[in-house]
């Protein structure tokens, strides 16, 4: 199964509350923090919602 490395590249200051909650649910706290998640439709949807704040790499 493929994995995704999600990195926070932009601050959540000024973002909508639901986008801030999505970033927190992905486990990202500070800029340049990284988390590895399984490639599931739920994670893909979360990443799509905040794609302007994160960078995604397939590993």
N, C-alpha and C. Protein backbone atom coordinates (compact mmCIF):
# COMPACT_ATOMS: atom_id res chain seq x y z
N UNK A 1 0.84 -1.18 0.00
CA UNK A 1 0.00 0.00 0.00
C UNK A 1 0.88 1.25 0.00
N UNK A 2 0.52 2.23 -0.78
CA UNK A 2 1.30 3.45 -0.89
C UNK A 2 1.09 4.34 0.34
N UNK A 3 2.07 5.16 0.57
CA UNK A 3 1.99 6.13 1.66
C UNK A 3 2.13 7.53 1.11
N UNK A 4 1.63 8.49 1.86
CA UNK A 4 1.75 9.90 1.50
C UNK A 4 2.50 10.63 2.60
N UNK A 5 3.48 11.44 2.22
CA UNK A 5 4.16 12.30 3.18
C UNK A 5 3.58 13.70 3.00
N UNK A 6 2.91 14.19 4.04
CA UNK A 6 2.24 15.49 3.99
C UNK A 6 3.05 16.46 4.82
N UNK A 7 3.42 17.60 4.22
CA UNK A 7 4.22 18.61 4.88
C UNK A 7 3.47 19.93 4.88
N UNK A 8 3.40 20.59 6.04
CA UNK A 8 2.77 21.90 6.14
C UNK A 8 3.77 22.94 5.66
N UNK A 9 3.43 23.71 4.62
CA UNK A 9 4.35 24.68 4.05
C UNK A 9 3.88 26.12 4.24
N UNK A 10 2.64 26.31 4.67
CA UNK A 10 2.12 27.65 4.86
C UNK A 10 1.33 27.69 6.16
N UNK A 11 1.38 28.82 6.84
CA UNK A 11 0.69 28.97 8.12
C UNK A 11 -0.82 28.92 7.96
N UNK A 12 -1.49 28.48 9.01
CA UNK A 12 -2.95 28.43 9.00
C UNK A 12 -3.58 29.72 9.50
N UNK A 13 -2.76 30.71 9.85
CA UNK A 13 -3.29 31.99 10.31
C UNK A 13 -4.11 32.62 9.18
N UNK A 14 -5.32 33.00 9.49
CA UNK A 14 -6.20 33.61 8.50
C UNK A 14 -7.03 32.61 7.71
N UNK A 15 -6.81 31.32 7.95
CA UNK A 15 -7.59 30.30 7.26
C UNK A 15 -8.92 30.09 7.96
N UNK A 16 -9.84 29.45 7.26
CA UNK A 16 -11.14 29.14 7.85
C UNK A 16 -10.98 28.09 8.93
N UNK A 17 -11.95 28.07 9.86
CA UNK A 17 -11.87 27.15 10.99
C UNK A 17 -11.85 25.70 10.56
N UNK A 18 -12.61 25.37 9.53
CA UNK A 18 -12.63 23.97 9.09
C UNK A 18 -11.30 23.56 8.47
N UNK A 19 -10.60 24.51 7.82
CA UNK A 19 -9.29 24.19 7.25
C UNK A 19 -8.26 24.02 8.36
N UNK A 20 -8.34 24.84 9.40
CA UNK A 20 -7.43 24.70 10.54
C UNK A 20 -7.65 23.35 11.21
N UNK A 21 -8.90 22.94 11.35
CA UNK A 21 -9.22 21.65 11.95
C UNK A 21 -8.71 20.50 11.09
N UNK A 22 -8.78 20.65 9.78
CA UNK A 22 -8.30 19.60 8.88
C UNK A 22 -6.79 19.45 8.99
N UNK A 23 -6.07 20.56 9.06
CA UNK A 23 -4.62 20.50 9.22
C UNK A 23 -4.27 19.82 10.54
N UNK A 24 -5.00 20.16 11.60
CA UNK A 24 -4.76 19.54 12.90
C UNK A 24 -5.07 18.04 12.85
N UNK A 25 -6.13 17.66 12.14
CA UNK A 25 -6.50 16.25 12.04
C UNK A 25 -5.45 15.45 11.26
N UNK A 26 -4.75 16.12 10.36
CA UNK A 26 -3.66 15.47 9.64
C UNK A 26 -2.42 15.32 10.52
N UNK A 27 -2.43 15.94 11.69
CA UNK A 27 -1.31 15.82 12.62
C UNK A 27 -0.22 16.84 12.41
N UNK A 28 -0.53 17.90 11.68
CA UNK A 28 0.46 18.93 11.39
C UNK A 28 0.29 20.10 12.35
N UNK A 29 1.37 20.52 12.99
CA UNK A 29 1.28 21.57 13.98
C UNK A 29 2.04 22.82 13.59
N UNK A 30 3.28 22.68 13.20
CA UNK A 30 4.12 23.82 12.84
C UNK A 30 4.50 23.74 11.37
N UNK A 31 4.93 24.86 10.83
CA UNK A 31 5.40 24.89 9.45
C UNK A 31 6.60 23.95 9.33
N UNK A 32 6.66 23.22 8.24
CA UNK A 32 7.66 22.20 7.93
C UNK A 32 7.51 20.93 8.76
N UNK A 33 6.40 20.79 9.49
CA UNK A 33 6.16 19.51 10.16
C UNK A 33 5.64 18.52 9.13
N UNK A 34 6.02 17.26 9.29
CA UNK A 34 5.68 16.22 8.32
C UNK A 34 5.00 15.07 9.02
N UNK A 35 4.09 14.43 8.31
CA UNK A 35 3.44 13.21 8.78
C UNK A 35 3.31 12.27 7.60
N UNK A 36 3.41 10.98 7.89
CA UNK A 36 3.21 9.97 6.86
C UNK A 36 1.88 9.28 7.13
N UNK A 37 1.04 9.25 6.11
CA UNK A 37 -0.28 8.64 6.20
C UNK A 37 -0.43 7.59 5.11
N UNK A 38 -1.29 6.60 5.36
CA UNK A 38 -1.66 5.65 4.31
C UNK A 38 -2.47 6.39 3.25
N UNK A 39 -2.33 5.95 2.02
CA UNK A 39 -3.02 6.58 0.90
C UNK A 39 -4.46 6.06 0.84
N UNK A 40 -5.37 6.74 1.54
CA UNK A 40 -6.78 6.36 1.55
C UNK A 40 -7.61 7.50 0.98
N UNK A 41 -8.82 7.22 0.55
CA UNK A 41 -9.68 8.29 0.04
C UNK A 41 -9.96 9.39 1.08
N UNK A 42 -10.01 9.01 2.35
CA UNK A 42 -10.26 10.00 3.39
C UNK A 42 -9.10 10.98 3.51
N UNK A 43 -7.88 10.46 3.49
CA UNK A 43 -6.70 11.34 3.57
C UNK A 43 -6.58 12.18 2.31
N UNK A 44 -6.86 11.60 1.15
CA UNK A 44 -6.81 12.37 -0.10
C UNK A 44 -7.80 13.54 -0.06
N UNK A 45 -8.99 13.30 0.49
CA UNK A 45 -9.98 14.37 0.60
C UNK A 45 -9.54 15.47 1.53
N UNK A 46 -8.90 15.09 2.64
CA UNK A 46 -8.40 16.09 3.58
C UNK A 46 -7.30 16.93 2.94
N UNK A 47 -6.41 16.26 2.21
CA UNK A 47 -5.32 16.97 1.54
C UNK A 47 -5.87 17.91 0.47
N UNK A 48 -6.89 17.46 -0.25
CA UNK A 48 -7.49 18.30 -1.30
C UNK A 48 -8.10 19.56 -0.71
N UNK A 49 -8.66 19.45 0.49
CA UNK A 49 -9.30 20.59 1.13
C UNK A 49 -8.29 21.67 1.51
N UNK A 50 -7.07 21.26 1.86
CA UNK A 50 -6.05 22.22 2.30
C UNK A 50 -4.82 22.18 1.40
N UNK A 51 -5.04 21.91 0.11
CA UNK A 51 -3.91 21.75 -0.81
C UNK A 51 -3.08 23.03 -0.97
N UNK A 52 -3.64 24.18 -0.64
CA UNK A 52 -2.88 25.43 -0.73
C UNK A 52 -1.98 25.64 0.48
N UNK A 53 -2.10 24.79 1.50
CA UNK A 53 -1.29 24.92 2.72
C UNK A 53 -0.25 23.80 2.86
N UNK A 54 -0.41 22.72 2.11
CA UNK A 54 0.45 21.55 2.30
C UNK A 54 1.13 21.14 1.00
N UNK A 55 2.18 20.33 1.18
CA UNK A 55 2.88 19.70 0.05
C UNK A 55 2.76 18.19 0.27
N UNK A 56 2.47 17.46 -0.79
CA UNK A 56 2.25 16.02 -0.68
C UNK A 56 3.23 15.28 -1.59
N UNK A 57 3.85 14.24 -1.03
CA UNK A 57 4.75 13.38 -1.80
C UNK A 57 4.32 11.94 -1.61
N UNK A 58 4.32 11.17 -2.68
CA UNK A 58 4.04 9.74 -2.57
C UNK A 58 5.33 9.02 -2.27
N UNK A 59 5.29 8.13 -1.28
CA UNK A 59 6.49 7.36 -0.95
C UNK A 59 6.13 5.89 -0.89
